[in-house]
Amino acid sequence: PTGKAMSLRSARERALMTILMETGAVLTVAPAYQRLFGAGAAESFLLMVAISVAVMAFAPVYCLAFDLAEWRLCRRLASDRPQGLRLLHAAGHEFGAMLVSVPVILALTDHSLAVAIGLDLGLSLFYTAWVWAFCL
C-alpha cells in the first residue's frame, strides 16, 4: 500500500462476495452440465448447488486448520504467507474440495467414479478461471 493502511474485507463483505460468486457459477455451470450429460434442469441445478454448499462448508474449516498449523509451526499470519506456501494452500484446498465433492456427485447421479472425478476436475478448472475473473 502507498501511504494508506491496507484493510481486509469484513466478514459481511466476504459472505456477500462468496454468495454472489457461487450463485453466478451455479447459474453458469448447471446449464452446461445439463447439456453435456443430458440431465434435467432441476437435477443439474440441484447437483451444482449441492456441490457448492459442500465445498463452501469445507473451505473455512480447511483454511482455519491451515492457518492454525502455519501459525503454530512458523508463527506467521496467512497474510504474510510466501508464494510457494500459497500454492500449496491452494492445491490442498482443491484436493480437499475434490474429496468433498466427488462423493456428492456419486450420491446424486448415476456417474461412475471415473466420470465423477473427471467432472470434478472440469469444475475445478472452471472455478479457478471463474474466481480469477470474479476477483479482478
Protein backbone atom coordinates (compact mmCIF):
# COMPACT_ATOMS: atom_id res chain seq x y z
CA PRO A 1 0.00 0.00 0.00
CA THR A 2 1.10 3.50 -0.69
CA GLY A 3 0.58 5.79 2.27
CA LYS A 4 -2.69 4.24 3.45
CA ALA A 5 -3.12 1.30 5.75
CA MET A 6 -4.43 -1.72 3.87
CA SER A 7 -7.72 -3.07 5.20
CA LEU A 8 -9.05 -6.56 4.78
CA ARG A 9 -12.60 -7.31 3.71
CA SER A 10 -15.10 -7.64 6.52
CA ALA A 11 -16.86 -10.92 7.20
CA ARG A 12 -20.04 -9.42 5.73
CA GLU A 13 -18.23 -8.39 2.53
CA ARG A 14 -16.66 -11.85 2.23
CA ALA A 15 -20.01 -13.58 2.74
CA LEU A 16 -21.71 -11.38 0.13
CA MET A 17 -18.86 -11.89 -2.33
CA THR A 18 -18.99 -15.67 -1.83
CA ILE A 19 -22.76 -15.81 -2.30
CA LEU A 20 -22.62 -13.71 -5.47
CA MET A 21 -19.69 -15.66 -6.88
CA GLU A 22 -21.26 -19.06 -6.14
CA THR A 23 -24.68 -18.02 -7.45
CA GLY A 24 -23.18 -16.86 -10.72
CA ALA A 25 -21.09 -20.00 -11.04
CA VAL A 26 -24.02 -22.34 -10.35
CA LEU A 27 -26.19 -20.47 -12.87
CA THR A 28 -23.39 -20.83 -15.42
CA VAL A 29 -22.39 -24.45 -14.75
CA ALA A 30 -25.81 -26.05 -14.27
CA PRO A 31 -26.93 -25.46 -17.87
CA ALA A 32 -23.55 -26.67 -19.15
CA TYR A 33 -23.88 -29.86 -17.09
CA GLN A 34 -27.43 -30.28 -18.38
CA ARG A 35 -26.26 -30.10 -22.00
CA LEU A 36 -23.15 -32.25 -21.55
CA PHE A 37 -24.81 -35.04 -19.60
CA GLY A 38 -28.38 -34.84 -20.87
CA ALA A 39 -29.69 -34.25 -17.36
CA GLY A 40 -32.82 -32.35 -16.47
CA ALA A 41 -32.64 -28.72 -15.43
CA ALA A 42 -33.72 -29.44 -11.84
CA GLU A 43 -31.22 -32.31 -11.47
CA SER A 44 -28.40 -30.17 -12.87
CA PHE A 45 -29.21 -27.22 -10.63
CA LEU A 46 -29.58 -29.44 -7.53
CA LEU A 47 -26.24 -31.15 -8.19
CA MET A 48 -24.36 -27.88 -8.66
CA VAL A 49 -25.96 -26.32 -5.58
CA ALA A 50 -25.14 -29.42 -3.51
CA ILE A 51 -21.50 -29.35 -4.65
CA SER A 52 -21.29 -25.63 -3.98
CA VAL A 53 -22.74 -25.95 -0.47
CA ALA A 54 -20.45 -28.89 0.36
CA VAL A 55 -17.33 -27.03 -0.77
CA MET A 56 -18.41 -23.80 0.95
CA ALA A 57 -18.79 -25.77 4.19
CA PHE A 58 -15.39 -27.39 3.72
CA ALA A 59 -13.44 -24.23 2.76
CA PRO A 60 -13.48 -22.32 6.06
CA VAL A 61 -12.62 -25.46 8.02
CA TYR A 62 -9.66 -26.17 5.73
CA CYS A 63 -8.47 -22.56 5.76
CA LEU A 64 -8.71 -22.29 9.53
CA ALA A 65 -6.81 -25.56 10.00
CA PHE A 66 -4.11 -24.46 7.55
CA ASP A 67 -3.83 -21.02 9.16
CA LEU A 68 -3.57 -22.51 12.66
CA ALA A 69 -0.95 -25.03 11.56
CA GLU A 70 1.06 -22.29 9.86
CA TRP A 71 0.86 -20.13 12.99
CA ARG A 72 1.92 -22.96 15.29
CA LEU A 73 4.77 -24.10 13.05
CA CYS A 74 6.05 -20.76 11.73
CA ARG A 75 4.42 -18.05 13.86
CA ARG A 76 3.27 -16.47 10.60
CA LEU A 77 -0.09 -14.99 9.65
CA ALA A 78 -1.81 -16.05 6.43
CA SER A 79 -1.44 -12.50 5.09
CA ASP A 80 2.36 -12.96 5.29
CA ARG A 81 2.37 -16.39 3.59
CA PRO A 82 5.09 -16.79 0.93
CA GLN A 83 4.06 -17.60 -2.64
CA GLY A 84 5.20 -21.23 -2.50
CA LEU A 85 3.08 -21.89 0.55
CA ARG A 86 0.16 -20.06 -1.08
CA LEU A 87 0.42 -22.51 -3.95
CA LEU A 88 0.50 -25.44 -1.53
CA HIS A 89 -2.54 -24.00 0.29
CA ALA A 90 -4.47 -23.65 -2.99
CA ALA A 91 -3.55 -27.16 -4.17
CA GLY A 92 -4.53 -28.62 -0.80
CA HIS A 93 -7.83 -26.77 -0.95
CA GLU A 94 -8.60 -28.15 -4.41
CA PHE A 95 -7.68 -31.68 -3.36
CA GLY A 96 -9.83 -31.39 -0.24
CA ALA A 97 -12.70 -29.93 -2.25
CA MET A 98 -12.46 -32.95 -4.53
CA LEU A 99 -12.67 -35.29 -1.52
CA VAL A 100 -15.86 -33.46 -0.56
CA SER A 101 -17.47 -33.04 -3.98
CA VAL A 102 -16.85 -36.40 -5.64
CA PRO A 103 -18.99 -38.24 -3.04
CA VAL A 104 -21.75 -35.64 -3.62
CA ILE A 105 -21.60 -36.31 -7.36
CA LEU A 106 -21.71 -40.07 -6.77
CA ALA A 107 -24.62 -39.77 -4.34
CA LEU A 108 -26.77 -37.59 -6.60
CA THR A 109 -26.03 -39.08 -10.02
CA ASP A 110 -25.52 -42.43 -11.69
CA HIS A 111 -21.99 -41.48 -12.78
CA SER A 112 -19.09 -43.86 -12.31
CA LEU A 113 -16.19 -42.87 -10.09
CA ALA A 114 -14.08 -42.05 -13.17
CA VAL A 115 -16.78 -39.76 -14.60
CA ALA A 116 -17.32 -38.12 -11.20
CA ILE A 117 -13.59 -37.40 -10.91
CA GLY A 118 -13.49 -36.08 -14.48
CA LEU A 119 -16.50 -33.87 -13.82
CA ASP A 120 -14.90 -32.59 -10.63
CA LEU A 121 -11.64 -31.82 -12.41
CA GLY A 122 -13.60 -29.89 -15.04
CA LEU A 123 -15.43 -27.99 -12.31
CA SER A 124 -12.09 -27.22 -10.63
CA LEU A 125 -10.74 -25.73 -13.85
CA PHE A 126 -13.92 -23.72 -14.37
CA TYR A 127 -13.93 -22.44 -10.78
CA THR A 128 -10.26 -21.48 -10.96
CA ALA A 129 -10.96 -19.30 -14.00
CA TRP A 130 -14.25 -18.06 -12.52
CA VAL A 131 -12.68 -16.97 -9.23
CA TRP A 132 -9.80 -15.31 -11.05
CA ALA A 133 -12.21 -13.36 -13.29
CA PHE A 134 -14.60 -12.58 -10.45
CA CYS A 135 -11.84 -11.17 -8.24
CA LEU A 136 -10.27 -8.89 -10.87
